[in-house]
Amino acid sequence: MLDSNLSLEFLRVVEQAAIACARTMGQGDRHKSDQVAVEAMRRVMDTVPIDGTIVIGEGERDEAPMLYIGEKVGMMHAKNIQGPRLVDFEAVDIAVDPLEGTNLCATGAANAIAVLAVSEKGGLLHAPDLYMEKLVVGPSSKNAVSLDATPRENLQAIARCLGRDLEDLVVTVLDRERHEALIAEIRATGARIRLIGDGDLSAGIAAAVVGSGVHAVMGTGGAPEGVLTAAAMRCLHGEIFARLVVKTPEHEARCRAMGISDFTRVYRSHDLAPGKRIIFAATGVTDGTLMRGVRFFGDGTRTSSVIMQNDPHLVRFIDSIHVDGTKDVKIRF
């Protein structure tokens, strides 16, 4: 079983990834931002006392130099540790997105985050890197909506559950050409839309937190991000409904390679992240709905993070100050 005491260890991992890529914020180089986030996350991961396997990562081994699917990480596999491993490190599966919202970081836009989810072996779906239809809602609405219902039907159900008018609802949608019809349908109901350039994972987390001002996320986005969202929903009691978009024989082959043969299945959070114990950690890179971005000051760095687990159920919002270690450091509020 996953030791919940590891949660603060994984917090260090996302904090350092966020700090690294925040130094590239606004420089217009999305590839550099992603690279430094990956390198930082990978480096710190080897200081965590685990026997870890990446199941959602930066791609296959031939495409990614590190944090690739199947890579072994953690202190158990750290190359800088000499001699035999005398400790039985816990075996875990890990899903990572070192920088969710590479374009957001590169342009200085809101809601870029560094994020990961961890569970015991087999606790996170090995999802192919395809698109996925998604509907994400909070705890109050999760038993009243369906991926096969129309946007109007779902929004009416959400409004009833929340005791609101349709005009009070805010739906987050990725600003993509493929969503033109969906956007028109939502607007026809009177509900409001928050269009985002990237970052449907952070939007999904916001939809499950009361008071965020977001009531649902709709549209298609990446399947790996869907697994991470599901892990967050397991901790927040929200829900994701998701279905892989399989259009070609090549898509089918990629699904089968990961053990998926039912291409029409609607997944929920317990399907995408079935682990008995889950840890979810995220740190803001740029200012967002739930977390502030990384802030640099003369004597150090300040980060804003969320760390969640489902057993025992705990959600922490953590503000950390990382000082540079010099004498007479001044801590700023």
Protein backbone atom coordinates (compact mmCIF):
# COMPACT_ATOMS: atom_id res chain seq x y z
CA MET A 1 0.00 0.00 0.00
CA LEU A 2 1.23 3.51 -0.86
CA ASP A 3 2.64 5.28 2.19
CA SER A 4 0.83 8.59 2.58
CA ASN A 5 3.95 9.98 4.31
CA LEU A 6 5.47 10.19 0.83
CA SER A 7 3.16 13.05 -0.11
CA LEU A 8 5.61 15.76 0.98
CA GLU A 9 8.39 13.99 -0.94
CA PHE A 10 6.35 14.29 -4.12
CA LEU A 11 5.56 17.89 -3.26
CA ARG A 12 9.31 18.59 -3.53
CA VAL A 13 9.31 17.05 -6.99
CA VAL A 14 6.61 19.33 -8.44
CA GLU A 15 7.94 22.39 -6.62
CA GLN A 16 11.39 22.04 -8.17
CA ALA A 17 9.95 21.38 -11.63
CA ALA A 18 7.79 24.49 -11.33
CA ILE A 19 10.69 26.65 -10.15
CA ALA A 20 12.89 25.48 -13.02
CA CYS A 21 10.42 26.25 -15.79
CA ALA A 22 9.20 29.46 -14.14
CA ARG A 23 12.65 30.90 -14.87
CA THR A 24 11.78 30.57 -18.58
CA MET A 25 8.31 32.12 -18.20
CA GLY A 26 7.45 34.60 -20.94
CA GLN A 27 10.57 33.90 -23.01
CA GLY A 28 8.51 32.42 -25.86
CA ASP A 29 10.37 29.10 -25.98
CA ARG A 30 7.90 26.34 -25.07
CA HIS A 31 10.41 23.58 -25.80
CA LYS A 32 12.98 25.06 -23.42
CA SER A 33 10.32 25.50 -20.72
CA ASP A 34 9.29 21.87 -21.03
CA GLN A 35 12.89 20.62 -21.13
CA VAL A 36 13.97 22.31 -17.91
CA ALA A 37 10.81 21.14 -16.15
CA VAL A 38 11.44 17.54 -17.23
CA GLU A 39 15.09 17.65 -16.19
CA ALA A 40 14.30 19.10 -12.77
CA MET A 41 11.47 16.66 -12.09
CA ARG A 42 13.59 13.69 -13.14
CA ARG A 43 16.53 14.79 -10.98
CA VAL A 44 14.47 15.25 -7.81
CA MET A 45 12.47 12.06 -8.45
CA ASP A 46 15.59 10.00 -7.76
CA THR A 47 15.79 11.41 -4.23
CA VAL A 48 12.36 9.98 -3.33
CA PRO A 49 12.52 6.62 -1.49
CA ILE A 50 10.47 4.58 -3.98
CA ASP A 51 10.73 1.94 -6.68
CA GLY A 52 8.81 3.92 -9.29
CA THR A 53 7.65 3.27 -12.85
CA ILE A 54 6.45 6.04 -15.19
CA VAL A 55 3.11 4.98 -16.72
CA ILE A 56 2.05 8.41 -18.07
CA GLY A 57 4.97 10.54 -19.17
CA GLU A 58 6.76 12.36 -21.94
CA GLY A 59 6.22 9.64 -24.56
CA GLU A 60 7.86 6.38 -25.55
CA ARG A 61 11.55 5.79 -24.90
CA ASP A 62 12.58 6.53 -28.49
CA GLU A 63 10.80 9.90 -28.32
CA ALA A 64 11.77 11.11 -24.84
CA PRO A 65 15.19 11.05 -23.15
CA MET A 66 13.69 10.92 -19.65
CA LEU A 67 10.38 10.47 -17.83
CA TYR A 68 9.35 8.21 -20.71
CA ILE A 69 6.69 5.55 -20.32
CA GLY A 70 8.20 2.53 -18.60
CA GLU A 71 11.19 4.37 -17.13
CA LYS A 72 12.25 3.34 -13.65
CA VAL A 73 12.65 6.22 -11.20
CA GLY A 74 13.19 6.78 -7.51
CA MET A 75 15.93 6.06 -5.02
CA MET A 76 15.74 2.35 -5.86
CA HIS A 77 17.13 3.10 -9.33
CA ALA A 78 19.21 6.23 -8.68
CA LYS A 79 22.60 5.94 -10.37
CA ASN A 80 24.33 8.10 -7.77
CA ILE A 81 23.64 5.61 -4.98
CA GLN A 82 26.52 3.19 -4.62
CA GLY A 83 26.38 -0.41 -3.42
CA PRO A 84 23.43 -2.76 -2.95
CA ARG A 85 19.92 -1.45 -2.21
CA LEU A 86 19.41 -2.65 1.35
CA VAL A 87 15.95 -1.10 1.78
CA ASP A 88 12.72 -2.50 0.36
CA PHE A 89 11.45 0.57 -1.48
CA GLU A 90 7.73 0.74 -2.19
CA ALA A 91 6.76 -0.08 -5.79
CA VAL A 92 4.54 2.63 -7.29
CA ASP A 93 3.19 3.77 -10.65
CA ILE A 94 3.59 7.44 -11.51
CA ALA A 95 1.84 9.74 -14.00
CA VAL A 96 3.64 13.01 -14.70
CA ASP A 97 3.20 16.22 -16.63
CA PRO A 98 6.28 18.26 -15.71
CA LEU A 99 4.74 21.33 -17.36
CA GLU A 100 1.05 21.25 -18.14
CA GLY A 101 0.58 24.27 -20.34
CA THR A 102 3.91 24.72 -22.13
CA ASN A 103 2.46 27.51 -24.26
CA LEU A 104 1.01 29.16 -21.15
CA CYS A 105 4.44 29.26 -19.54
CA ALA A 106 6.14 30.44 -22.73
CA THR A 107 3.71 33.35 -23.07
CA GLY A 108 3.24 34.10 -19.37
CA ALA A 109 -0.44 33.17 -19.48
CA ALA A 110 -2.35 31.82 -16.48
CA ASN A 111 -2.74 28.26 -15.17
CA ALA A 112 0.53 26.57 -16.13
CA ILE A 113 1.34 23.91 -13.52
CA ALA A 114 3.81 21.12 -12.73
CA VAL A 115 1.89 18.00 -11.76
CA LEU A 116 2.11 14.31 -10.93
CA ALA A 117 -0.03 11.49 -9.55
CA VAL A 118 1.16 8.36 -7.77
CA SER A 119 -0.53 5.10 -6.84
CA GLU A 120 0.35 1.52 -5.98
CA LYS A 121 1.20 -0.74 -8.92
CA GLY A 122 -1.71 -0.97 -11.35
CA GLY A 123 -3.46 2.02 -9.83
CA LEU A 124 -3.28 4.30 -12.90
CA LEU A 125 -4.53 3.43 -16.40
CA HIS A 126 -1.83 3.16 -19.08
CA ALA A 127 -3.59 5.51 -21.49
CA PRO A 128 -2.46 5.92 -25.11
CA ASP A 129 -1.53 9.43 -26.20
CA LEU A 130 -4.79 10.06 -28.03
CA TYR A 131 -7.62 12.53 -27.71
CA MET A 132 -10.36 11.82 -25.22
CA GLU A 133 -13.89 13.21 -24.94
CA LYS A 134 -14.20 14.66 -21.44
CA LEU A 135 -16.83 15.94 -19.08
CA VAL A 136 -15.59 17.04 -15.65
CA VAL A 137 -17.91 18.15 -12.85
CA GLY A 138 -17.84 18.67 -9.11
CA PRO A 139 -19.22 16.47 -6.33
CA SER A 140 -22.75 17.92 -6.42
CA SER A 141 -23.33 17.06 -10.10
CA LYS A 142 -21.42 13.84 -10.64
CA ASN A 143 -24.44 11.53 -10.50
CA ALA A 144 -26.65 13.70 -12.70
CA VAL A 145 -24.70 14.05 -15.96
CA SER A 146 -23.65 11.78 -18.82
CA LEU A 147 -21.14 11.90 -21.63
CA ASP A 148 -23.90 10.77 -24.00
CA ALA A 149 -26.29 13.57 -22.99
CA THR A 150 -26.37 16.85 -24.91
CA PRO A 151 -24.59 19.90 -23.50
CA ARG A 152 -28.00 21.45 -22.75
CA GLU A 153 -29.16 18.37 -20.85
CA ASN A 154 -25.97 18.24 -18.82
CA LEU A 155 -26.02 21.94 -18.02
CA GLN A 156 -29.66 21.75 -16.97
CA ALA A 157 -28.78 18.87 -14.66
CA ILE A 158 -25.81 20.77 -13.19
CA ALA A 159 -27.99 23.85 -12.64
CA ARG A 160 -30.59 21.76 -10.79
CA CYS A 161 -27.95 20.14 -8.58
CA LEU A 162 -26.40 23.49 -7.68
CA GLY A 163 -29.69 25.35 -7.34
CA ARG A 164 -28.64 27.87 -9.96
CA ASP A 165 -29.94 29.27 -13.23
CA LEU A 166 -28.25 28.20 -16.47
CA GLU A 167 -26.99 31.76 -16.88
CA ASP A 168 -25.04 31.39 -13.63
CA LEU A 169 -22.95 28.47 -14.87
CA VAL A 170 -19.40 28.77 -16.20
CA VAL A 171 -18.03 26.04 -18.49
CA THR A 172 -14.36 25.78 -19.40
CA VAL A 173 -13.60 24.72 -22.98
CA LEU A 174 -10.30 24.48 -24.84
CA ASP A 175 -10.22 27.12 -27.56
CA ARG A 176 -9.93 24.80 -30.55
CA GLU A 177 -11.58 24.71 -33.96
CA ARG A 178 -12.92 21.22 -33.19
CA HIS A 179 -15.04 22.74 -30.41
CA GLU A 180 -16.92 25.30 -32.51
CA ALA A 181 -20.19 23.33 -32.46
CA LEU A 182 -19.86 22.60 -28.73
CA ILE A 183 -19.24 26.26 -27.95
CA ALA A 184 -22.32 27.27 -29.93
CA GLU A 185 -24.46 24.69 -28.09
CA ILE A 186 -23.29 25.89 -24.69
CA ARG A 187 -23.86 29.54 -25.53
CA ALA A 188 -27.36 28.71 -26.80
CA THR A 189 -28.28 27.59 -23.27
CA GLY A 190 -27.32 30.94 -21.78
CA ALA A 191 -24.40 29.49 -19.83
CA ARG A 192 -21.09 31.32 -19.92
CA ILE A 193 -17.85 29.95 -21.35
CA ARG A 194 -14.26 30.40 -20.25
CA LEU A 195 -12.11 29.63 -23.29
CA ILE A 196 -8.57 28.50 -22.51
CA GLY A 197 -5.59 28.05 -24.79
CA ASP A 198 -4.18 25.06 -22.88
CA GLY A 199 -4.44 23.42 -19.49
CA ASP A 200 -7.65 21.39 -19.29
CA LEU A 201 -6.16 19.50 -16.32
CA SER A 202 -5.97 22.58 -14.11
CA ALA A 203 -9.45 23.52 -15.34
CA GLY A 204 -10.73 20.09 -14.32
CA ILE A 205 -9.32 20.49 -10.82
CA ALA A 206 -11.02 23.89 -10.52
CA ALA A 207 -14.38 22.40 -11.56
CA ALA A 208 -14.27 20.08 -8.54
CA VAL A 209 -13.48 22.82 -6.01
CA VAL A 210 -16.44 24.80 -4.67
CA GLY A 211 -15.93 28.53 -5.07
CA SER A 212 -13.53 28.37 -8.02
CA GLY A 213 -16.12 29.88 -10.35
CA VAL A 214 -15.94 26.90 -12.76
CA HIS A 215 -18.81 24.41 -12.84
CA ALA A 216 -17.82 22.03 -15.64
CA VAL A 217 -15.20 21.25 -18.26
CA MET A 218 -16.36 20.00 -21.66
CA GLY A 219 -14.68 18.98 -24.91
CA THR A 220 -11.84 16.80 -26.12
CA GLY A 221 -8.29 16.84 -24.78
CA GLY A 222 -5.35 14.55 -24.18
CA ALA A 223 -5.96 11.11 -22.65
CA PRO A 224 -2.84 11.26 -20.42
CA GLU A 225 -4.19 14.48 -18.87
CA GLY A 226 -7.47 12.63 -18.39
CA VAL A 227 -5.74 10.08 -16.15
CA LEU A 228 -4.17 12.85 -14.07
CA THR A 229 -7.53 14.59 -13.80
CA ALA A 230 -9.10 11.31 -12.65
CA ALA A 231 -6.50 11.01 -9.90
CA ALA A 232 -7.40 14.50 -8.71
CA MET A 233 -11.11 13.67 -8.84
CA ARG A 234 -10.52 10.64 -6.60
CA CYS A 235 -9.18 13.05 -3.98
CA LEU A 236 -11.73 15.86 -4.51
CA HIS A 237 -14.85 13.66 -4.89
CA GLY A 238 -15.53 15.21 -8.29
CA GLU A 239 -15.94 13.15 -11.46
CA ILE A 240 -14.57 12.83 -14.97
CA PHE A 241 -16.45 11.05 -17.74
CA ALA A 242 -14.17 10.18 -20.63
CA ARG A 243 -14.09 8.22 -23.88
CA LEU A 244 -11.10 7.69 -26.16
CA VAL A 245 -11.34 9.20 -29.65
CA VAL A 246 -10.34 6.26 -31.85
CA LYS A 247 -10.61 7.07 -35.55
CA THR A 248 -7.96 5.08 -37.40
CA PRO A 249 -6.45 1.58 -37.42
CA GLU A 250 -3.28 3.15 -36.02
CA HIS A 251 -5.26 4.50 -33.08
CA GLU A 252 -6.76 1.05 -32.52
CA ALA A 253 -3.31 -0.54 -32.56
CA ARG A 254 -2.02 1.91 -29.97
CA CYS A 255 -4.98 1.14 -27.73
CA ARG A 256 -4.53 -2.61 -28.04
CA ALA A 257 -0.83 -2.27 -27.24
CA MET A 258 -1.90 -0.87 -23.86
CA GLY A 259 -4.52 -3.55 -23.27
CA ILE A 260 -7.54 -1.51 -24.38
CA SER A 261 -9.97 -3.28 -26.74
CA ASP A 262 -13.30 -1.55 -26.01
CA PHE A 263 -13.02 1.70 -27.96
CA THR A 264 -16.48 3.00 -27.00
CA ARG A 265 -16.18 2.57 -23.24
CA VAL A 266 -17.00 5.54 -21.05
CA TYR A 267 -14.44 5.77 -18.27
CA ARG A 268 -14.97 7.38 -14.89
CA SER A 269 -12.39 8.35 -12.30
CA HIS A 270 -12.34 4.90 -10.66
CA ASP A 271 -11.62 3.38 -14.09
CA LEU A 272 -8.82 5.78 -15.03
CA ALA A 273 -7.29 5.91 -11.56
CA PRO A 274 -8.44 2.75 -9.74
CA GLY A 275 -5.72 2.80 -7.09
CA LYS A 276 -6.68 2.22 -3.48
CA ARG A 277 -4.25 4.93 -2.42
CA ILE A 278 -3.52 7.93 -4.61
CA ILE A 279 -1.32 10.96 -4.09
CA PHE A 280 -1.75 13.98 -6.37
CA ALA A 281 0.62 16.96 -6.30
CA ALA A 282 0.70 20.18 -8.32
CA THR A 283 2.58 23.47 -8.10
CA GLY A 284 1.61 26.65 -9.91
CA VAL A 285 4.09 27.92 -12.50
CA THR A 286 2.05 30.96 -13.51
CA ASP A 287 -0.82 32.49 -11.54
CA GLY A 288 -3.97 30.39 -11.79
CA THR A 289 -7.46 29.82 -10.46
CA LEU A 290 -6.35 27.85 -7.39
CA MET A 291 -2.61 28.49 -7.06
CA ARG A 292 -0.31 31.45 -7.55
CA GLY A 293 2.67 31.12 -9.81
CA VAL A 294 6.31 30.93 -8.75
CA ARG A 295 7.58 34.21 -7.30
CA PHE A 296 11.27 35.04 -7.12
CA PHE A 297 12.73 37.44 -4.58
CA GLY A 298 16.24 38.43 -3.61
CA ASP A 299 16.82 35.67 -1.08
CA GLY A 300 14.80 32.82 -2.50
CA THR A 301 11.63 31.60 -4.17
CA ARG A 302 7.99 31.23 -3.17
CA THR A 303 5.69 28.51 -4.49
CA SER A 304 2.00 27.71 -4.20
CA SER A 305 0.95 24.05 -4.35
CA VAL A 306 -1.82 21.58 -3.68
CA ILE A 307 -1.12 18.09 -2.36
CA MET A 308 -3.99 15.62 -2.11
CA GLN A 309 -4.54 12.01 -1.13
CA ASN A 310 -7.62 9.81 -0.98
CA ASP A 311 -6.65 7.50 1.90
CA PRO A 312 -6.52 9.04 4.40
CA HIS A 313 -8.55 11.74 2.69
CA LEU A 314 -6.59 14.98 2.87
CA VAL A 315 -6.24 18.10 0.74
CA ARG A 316 -3.51 20.62 1.57
CA PHE A 317 -2.90 23.99 -0.07
CA ILE A 318 0.73 24.76 0.69
CA ASP A 319 2.62 28.04 0.37
CA SER A 320 6.38 27.39 0.55
CA ILE A 321 9.34 29.71 0.79
CA HIS A 322 12.60 28.23 -0.52
CA VAL A 323 15.49 30.26 0.88
CA ASP A 324 18.94 30.32 -0.69
CA GLY A 325 20.79 29.39 2.51
CA THR A 326 22.89 32.53 2.86
CA LYS A 327 23.31 34.35 6.17
CA ASP A 328 20.58 36.77 7.32
CA VAL A 329 18.05 35.75 4.66
CA LYS A 330 14.98 38.02 4.69
CA ILE A 331 11.64 36.18 4.45
CA ARG A 332 9.05 38.22 2.56
CA PHE A 333 5.28 37.88 2.90
